[in-house]
Amino acid sequence: GSARQDEVMARVWPTLKKTAIDYAV
C-alpha cells in the first residue's frame, strides 16, 4: 500500500521458497 510496494514485491518475491501451506504450517 506504500510507494515501495512494487519495488519490494519485485525484489523479494522471486527469492521466496516454494512450499505448500500443509508442510509449512
PDB file of all heavy atoms in Angstrom:
ATOM      1  N   GLY A   1       0.799  -1.221   0.000  1.00  0.00           N
ATOM      2  CA  GLY A   1       0.000   0.000   0.000  1.00  0.00           C
ATOM      3  C   GLY A   1       0.829   1.267   0.000  1.00  0.00           C
ATOM      4  O   GLY A   1       0.273   2.363  -0.051  1.00  0.00           O
ATOM      5  N   SER A   2       2.160   1.129   0.028  1.00  0.00           N
ATOM      6  CA  SER A   2       3.038   2.302   0.014  1.00  0.00           C
ATOM      7  C   SER A   2       3.650   2.472  -1.375  1.00  0.00           C
ATOM      8  O   SER A   2       3.467   1.639  -2.265  1.00  0.00           O
ATOM      9  CB  SER A   2       4.157   2.142   1.051  1.00  0.00           C
ATOM     10  OG  SER A   2       5.136   1.209   0.589  1.00  0.00           O
ATOM     11  N   ALA A   3       4.423   3.528  -1.548  1.00  0.00           N
ATOM     12  CA  ALA A   3       5.095   3.773  -2.829  1.00  0.00           C
ATOM     13  C   ALA A   3       6.159   2.722  -3.107  1.00  0.00           C
ATOM     14  O   ALA A   3       6.584   2.557  -4.260  1.00  0.00           O
ATOM     15  CB  ALA A   3       5.722   5.174  -2.822  1.00  0.00           C
ATOM     16  N   ARG A   4       6.567   1.980  -2.096  1.00  0.00           N
ATOM     17  CA  ARG A   4       7.628   0.964  -2.251  1.00  0.00           C
ATOM     18  C   ARG A   4       7.066  -0.417  -2.576  1.00  0.00           C
ATOM     19  O   ARG A   4       7.828  -1.366  -2.766  1.00  0.00           O
ATOM     20  CB  ARG A   4       8.463   0.892  -0.967  1.00  0.00           C
ATOM     21  CG  ARG A   4       9.178   2.171  -0.602  1.00  0.00           C
ATOM     22  CD  ARG A   4       9.957   2.027   0.700  1.00  0.00           C
ATOM     23  NE  ARG A   4      10.886   0.909   0.655  1.00  0.00           N
ATOM     24  CZ  ARG A   4      10.802  -0.179   1.435  1.00  0.00           C
ATOM     25  NH1 ARG A   4       9.797  -0.291   2.314  1.00  0.00           N
ATOM     26  NH2 ARG A   4      11.699  -1.137   1.347  1.00  0.00           N
ATOM     27  N   GLN A   5       5.743  -0.564  -2.607  1.00  0.00           N
ATOM     28  CA  GLN A   5       5.135  -1.896  -2.766  1.00  0.00           C
ATOM     29  C   GLN A   5       5.682  -2.661  -3.965  1.00  0.00           C
ATOM     30  O   GLN A   5       6.126  -3.806  -3.830  1.00  0.00           O
ATOM     31  CB  GLN A   5       3.617  -1.765  -2.880  1.00  0.00           C
ATOM     32  CG  GLN A   5       2.912  -3.088  -3.173  1.00  0.00           C
ATOM     33  CD  GLN A   5       1.406  -2.929  -3.311  1.00  0.00           C
ATOM     34  OE1 GLN A   5       0.774  -2.226  -2.531  1.00  0.00           O
ATOM     35  NE2 GLN A   5       0.821  -3.573  -4.304  1.00  0.00           N
ATOM     36  N   ASP A   6       5.646  -2.061  -5.137  1.00  0.00           N
ATOM     37  CA  ASP A   6       6.041  -2.775  -6.354  1.00  0.00           C
ATOM     38  C   ASP A   6       7.520  -3.130  -6.331  1.00  0.00           C
ATOM     39  O   ASP A   6       7.915  -4.229  -6.751  1.00  0.00           O
ATOM     40  CB  ASP A   6       5.719  -1.930  -7.588  1.00  0.00           C
ATOM     41  CG  ASP A   6       4.220  -1.773  -7.806  1.00  0.00           C
ATOM     42  OD1 ASP A   6       3.446  -2.548  -7.189  1.00  0.00           O
ATOM     43  OD2 ASP A   6       3.818  -0.891  -8.583  1.00  0.00           O
ATOM     44  N   GLU A   7       8.347  -2.206  -5.848  1.00  0.00           N
ATOM     45  CA  GLU A   7       9.785  -2.455  -5.816  1.00  0.00           C
ATOM     46  C   GLU A   7      10.115  -3.608  -4.873  1.00  0.00           C
ATOM     47  O   GLU A   7      10.897  -4.507  -5.210  1.00  0.00           O
ATOM     48  CB  GLU A   7      10.509  -1.177  -5.374  1.00  0.00           C
ATOM     49  CG  GLU A   7      12.024  -1.354  -5.223  1.00  0.00           C
ATOM     50  CD  GLU A   7      12.460  -1.792  -3.819  1.00  0.00           C
ATOM     51  OE1 GLU A   7      11.905  -1.251  -2.840  1.00  0.00           O
ATOM     52  OE2 GLU A   7      13.329  -2.694  -3.713  1.00  0.00           O
ATOM     53  N   VAL A   8       9.506  -3.604  -3.687  1.00  0.00           N
ATOM     54  CA  VAL A   8       9.781  -4.657  -2.706  1.00  0.00           C
ATOM     55  C   VAL A   8       9.252  -5.999  -3.204  1.00  0.00           C
ATOM     56  O   VAL A   8       9.929  -7.035  -3.088  1.00  0.00           O
ATOM     57  CB  VAL A   8       9.173  -4.306  -1.335  1.00  0.00           C
ATOM     58  CG1 VAL A   8       9.322  -5.466  -0.357  1.00  0.00           C
ATOM     59  CG2 VAL A   8       9.831  -3.053  -0.764  1.00  0.00           C
ATOM     60  N   MET A   9       8.050  -6.013  -3.780  1.00  0.00           N
ATOM     61  CA  MET A   9       7.483  -7.255  -4.312  1.00  0.00           C
ATOM     62  C   MET A   9       8.388  -7.832  -5.401  1.00  0.00           C
ATOM     63  O   MET A   9       8.696  -9.037  -5.393  1.00  0.00           O
ATOM     64  CB  MET A   9       6.082  -6.978  -4.868  1.00  0.00           C
ATOM     65  CG  MET A   9       5.344  -8.222  -5.344  1.00  0.00           C
ATOM     66  SD  MET A   9       4.919  -9.320  -3.973  1.00  0.00           S
ATOM     67  CE  MET A   9       3.386 -10.037  -4.558  1.00  0.00           C
ATOM     68  N   ALA A  10       8.833  -7.003  -6.324  1.00  0.00           N
ATOM     69  CA  ALA A  10       9.678  -7.475  -7.434  1.00  0.00           C
ATOM     70  C   ALA A  10      11.019  -8.000  -6.935  1.00  0.00           C
ATOM     71  O   ALA A  10      11.578  -8.949  -7.503  1.00  0.00           O
ATOM     72  CB  ALA A  10       9.892  -6.343  -8.429  1.00  0.00           C
ATOM     73  N   ARG A  11      11.539  -7.419  -5.860  1.00  0.00           N
ATOM     74  CA  ARG A  11      12.838  -7.839  -5.338  1.00  0.00           C
ATOM     75  C   ARG A  11      12.743  -9.083  -4.466  1.00  0.00           C
ATOM     76  O   ARG A  11      13.572 -10.001  -4.571  1.00  0.00           O
ATOM     77  CB  ARG A  11      13.456  -6.680  -4.549  1.00  0.00           C
ATOM     78  CG  ARG A  11      14.752  -7.037  -3.819  1.00  0.00           C
ATOM     79  CD  ARG A  11      15.415  -5.812  -3.225  1.00  0.00           C
ATOM     80  NE  ARG A  11      14.511  -5.010  -2.412  1.00  0.00           N
ATOM     81  CZ  ARG A  11      14.200  -5.281  -1.135  1.00  0.00           C
ATOM     82  NH1 ARG A  11      14.710  -6.363  -0.533  1.00  0.00           N
ATOM     83  NH2 ARG A  11      13.385  -4.497  -0.454  1.00  0.00           N
ATOM     84  N   VAL A  12      11.723  -9.154  -3.610  1.00  0.00           N
ATOM     85  CA  VAL A  12      11.662 -10.216  -2.609  1.00  0.00           C
ATOM     86  C   VAL A  12      10.959 -11.471  -3.119  1.00  0.00           C
ATOM     87  O   VAL A  12      11.408 -12.604  -2.856  1.00  0.00           O
ATOM     88  CB  VAL A  12      10.962  -9.705  -1.328  1.00  0.00           C
ATOM     89  CG1 VAL A  12      10.801 -10.835  -0.314  1.00  0.00           C
ATOM     90  CG2 VAL A  12      11.741  -8.552  -0.723  1.00  0.00           C
ATOM     91  N   TRP A  13       9.851 -11.323  -3.840  1.00  0.00           N
ATOM     92  CA  TRP A  13       9.040 -12.470  -4.229  1.00  0.00           C
ATOM     93  C   TRP A  13       9.834 -13.575  -4.936  1.00  0.00           C
ATOM     94  O   TRP A  13       9.678 -14.765  -4.602  1.00  0.00           O
ATOM     95  CB  TRP A  13       7.850 -12.023  -5.081  1.00  0.00           C
ATOM     96  CG  TRP A  13       6.842 -13.108  -5.327  1.00  0.00           C
ATOM     97  CD1 TRP A  13       6.724 -13.895  -6.451  1.00  0.00           C
ATOM     98  CD2 TRP A  13       5.802 -13.552  -4.438  1.00  0.00           C
ATOM     99  NE1 TRP A  13       5.690 -14.784  -6.319  1.00  0.00           N
ATOM    100  CE2 TRP A  13       5.110 -14.596  -5.097  1.00  0.00           C
ATOM    101  CE3 TRP A  13       5.395 -13.159  -3.160  1.00  0.00           C
ATOM    102  CZ2 TRP A  13       4.023 -15.252  -4.511  1.00  0.00           C
ATOM    103  CZ3 TRP A  13       4.317 -13.823  -2.582  1.00  0.00           C
ATOM    104  CH2 TRP A  13       3.646 -14.846  -3.247  1.00  0.00           C
ATOM    105  N   PRO A  14      10.710 -13.249  -5.914  1.00  0.00           N
ATOM    106  CA  PRO A  14      11.452 -14.320  -6.602  1.00  0.00           C
ATOM    107  C   PRO A  14      12.359 -15.129  -5.688  1.00  0.00           C
ATOM    108  O   PRO A  14      12.744 -16.253  -6.031  1.00  0.00           O
ATOM    109  CB  PRO A  14      12.275 -13.559  -7.654  1.00  0.00           C
ATOM    110  CG  PRO A  14      11.547 -12.278  -7.866  1.00  0.00           C
ATOM    111  CD  PRO A  14      10.996 -11.929  -6.520  1.00  0.00           C
ATOM    112  N   THR A  15      12.714 -14.583  -4.527  1.00  0.00           N
ATOM    113  CA  THR A  15      13.629 -15.283  -3.617  1.00  0.00           C
ATOM    114  C   THR A  15      12.904 -16.239  -2.669  1.00  0.00           C
ATOM    115  O   THR A  15      13.552 -17.005  -1.956  1.00  0.00           O
ATOM    116  CB  THR A  15      14.417 -14.274  -2.762  1.00  0.00           C
ATOM    117  OG1 THR A  15      13.526 -13.645  -1.815  1.00  0.00           O
ATOM    118  CG2 THR A  15      15.048 -13.198  -3.637  1.00  0.00           C
ATOM    119  N   LEU A  16      11.569 -16.201  -2.648  1.00  0.00           N
ATOM    120  CA  LEU A  16      10.820 -16.969  -1.661  1.00  0.00           C
ATOM    121  C   LEU A  16      10.791 -18.460  -2.003  1.00  0.00           C
ATOM    122  O   LEU A  16      10.731 -18.857  -3.173  1.00  0.00           O
ATOM    123  CB  LEU A  16       9.389 -16.441  -1.559  1.00  0.00           C
ATOM    124  CG  LEU A  16       9.233 -14.984  -1.128  1.00  0.00           C
ATOM    125  CD1 LEU A  16       7.761 -14.603  -1.084  1.00  0.00           C
ATOM    126  CD2 LEU A  16       9.892 -14.740   0.224  1.00  0.00           C
ATOM    127  N   LYS A  17      10.786 -19.270  -0.971  1.00  0.00           N
ATOM    128  CA  LYS A  17      10.749 -20.721  -1.120  1.00  0.00           C
ATOM    129  C   LYS A  17       9.382 -21.184  -1.611  1.00  0.00           C
ATOM    130  O   LYS A  17       8.345 -20.665  -1.185  1.00  0.00           O
ATOM    131  CB  LYS A  17      11.059 -21.374   0.231  1.00  0.00           C
ATOM    132  CG  LYS A  17      11.038 -22.887   0.216  1.00  0.00           C
ATOM    133  CD  LYS A  17      11.361 -23.447   1.607  1.00  0.00           C
ATOM    134  CE  LYS A  17      11.335 -24.967   1.633  1.00  0.00           C
ATOM    135  NZ  LYS A  17      11.677 -25.498   2.984  1.00  0.00           N
ATOM    136  N   LYS A  18       9.382 -22.166  -2.503  1.00  0.00           N
ATOM    137  CA  LYS A  18       8.141 -22.793  -2.951  1.00  0.00           C
ATOM    138  C   LYS A  18       7.815 -23.963  -2.028  1.00  0.00           C
ATOM    139  O   LYS A  18       8.570 -24.943  -1.973  1.00  0.00           O
ATOM    140  CB  LYS A  18       8.274 -23.318  -4.383  1.00  0.00           C
ATOM    141  CG  LYS A  18       8.131 -22.281  -5.472  1.00  0.00           C
ATOM    142  CD  LYS A  18       8.082 -22.967  -6.838  1.00  0.00           C
ATOM    143  CE  LYS A  18       7.818 -21.956  -7.943  1.00  0.00           C
ATOM    144  NZ  LYS A  18       7.705 -22.625  -9.271  1.00  0.00           N
ATOM    145  N   THR A  19       6.720 -23.862  -1.318  1.00  0.00           N
ATOM    146  CA  THR A  19       6.280 -24.963  -0.458  1.00  0.00           C
ATOM    147  C   THR A  19       4.787 -24.816  -0.188  1.00  0.00           C
ATOM    148  O   THR A  19       4.230 -23.729  -0.321  1.00  0.00           O
ATOM    149  CB  THR A  19       7.080 -24.989   0.866  1.00  0.00           C
ATOM    150  OG1 THR A  19       6.715 -26.149   1.613  1.00  0.00           O
ATOM    151  CG2 THR A  19       6.796 -23.752   1.706  1.00  0.00           C
ATOM    152  N   ALA A  20       4.169 -25.918   0.171  1.00  0.00           N
ATOM    153  CA  ALA A  20       2.725 -25.904   0.421  1.00  0.00           C
ATOM    154  C   ALA A  20       2.433 -25.478   1.852  1.00  0.00           C
ATOM    155  O   ALA A  20       3.223 -25.719   2.766  1.00  0.00           O
ATOM    156  CB  ALA A  20       2.137 -27.286   0.159  1.00  0.00           C
ATOM    157  N   ILE A  21       1.272 -24.874   2.049  1.00  0.00           N
ATOM    158  CA  ILE A  21       0.853 -24.439   3.380  1.00  0.00           C
ATOM    159  C   ILE A  21       0.706 -25.635   4.322  1.00  0.00           C
ATOM    160  O   ILE A  21       0.939 -25.520   5.533  1.00  0.00           O
ATOM    161  CB  ILE A  21      -0.476 -23.644   3.307  1.00  0.00           C
ATOM    162  CG1 ILE A  21      -0.762 -22.904   4.623  1.00  0.00           C
ATOM    163  CG2 ILE A  21      -1.643 -24.540   2.915  1.00  0.00           C
ATOM    164  CD1 ILE A  21       0.110 -21.704   4.853  1.00  0.00           C
ATOM    165  N   ASP A  22       0.401 -26.804   3.779  1.00  0.00           N
ATOM    166  CA  ASP A  22       0.297 -28.010   4.609  1.00  0.00           C
ATOM    167  C   ASP A  22       1.620 -28.309   5.305  1.00  0.00           C
ATOM    168  O   ASP A  22       1.657 -28.614   6.501  1.00  0.00           O
ATOM    169  CB  ASP A  22      -0.099 -29.214   3.746  1.00  0.00           C
ATOM    170  CG  ASP A  22      -1.408 -28.999   3.019  1.00  0.00           C
ATOM    171  OD1 ASP A  22      -1.433 -28.170   2.092  1.00  0.00           O
ATOM    172  OD2 ASP A  22      -2.406 -29.652   3.374  1.00  0.00           O
ATOM    173  N   TYR A  23       2.726 -28.228   4.546  1.00  0.00           N
ATOM    174  CA  TYR A  23       4.040 -28.556   5.112  1.00  0.00           C
ATOM    175  C   TYR A  23       4.579 -27.420   5.980  1.00  0.00           C
ATOM    176  O   TYR A  23       5.212 -27.649   7.007  1.00  0.00           O
ATOM    177  CB  TYR A  23       5.041 -28.850   3.990  1.00  0.00           C
ATOM    178  CG  TYR A  23       4.612 -29.956   3.061  1.00  0.00           C
ATOM    179  CD1 TYR A  23       4.742 -29.817   1.684  1.00  0.00           C
ATOM    180  CD2 TYR A  23       4.060 -31.133   3.553  1.00  0.00           C
ATOM    181  CE1 TYR A  23       4.342 -30.836   0.821  1.00  0.00           C
ATOM    182  CE2 TYR A  23       3.651 -32.147   2.711  1.00  0.00           C
ATOM    183  CZ  TYR A  23       3.786 -31.997   1.335  1.00  0.00           C
ATOM    184  OH  TYR A  23       3.382 -32.993   0.485  1.00  0.00           O
ATOM    185  N   ALA A  24       4.325 -26.174   5.539  1.00  0.00           N
ATOM    186  CA  ALA A  24       4.908 -25.027   6.229  1.00  0.00           C
ATOM    187  C   ALA A  24       4.179 -24.676   7.517  1.00  0.00           C
ATOM    188  O   ALA A  24       4.789 -24.151   8.451  1.00  0.00           O
ATOM    189  CB  ALA A  24       4.913 -23.813   5.292  1.00  0.00           C
ATOM    190  N   VAL A  25       2.875 -24.973   7.574  1.00  0.00           N
ATOM    191  CA  VAL A  25       2.082 -24.546   8.735  1.00  0.00           C
ATOM    192  C   VAL A  25       1.234 -25.673   9.320  1.00  0.00           C
ATOM    193  O   VAL A  25       1.343 -26.004  10.507  1.00  0.00           O
ATOM    194  CB  VAL A  25       1.163 -23.355   8.370  1.00  0.00           C
ATOM    195  CG1 VAL A  25       0.216 -23.025   9.523  1.00  0.00           C
ATOM    196  CG2 VAL A  25       1.994 -22.133   8.001  1.00  0.00           C
TER     197      VAL A  25
END
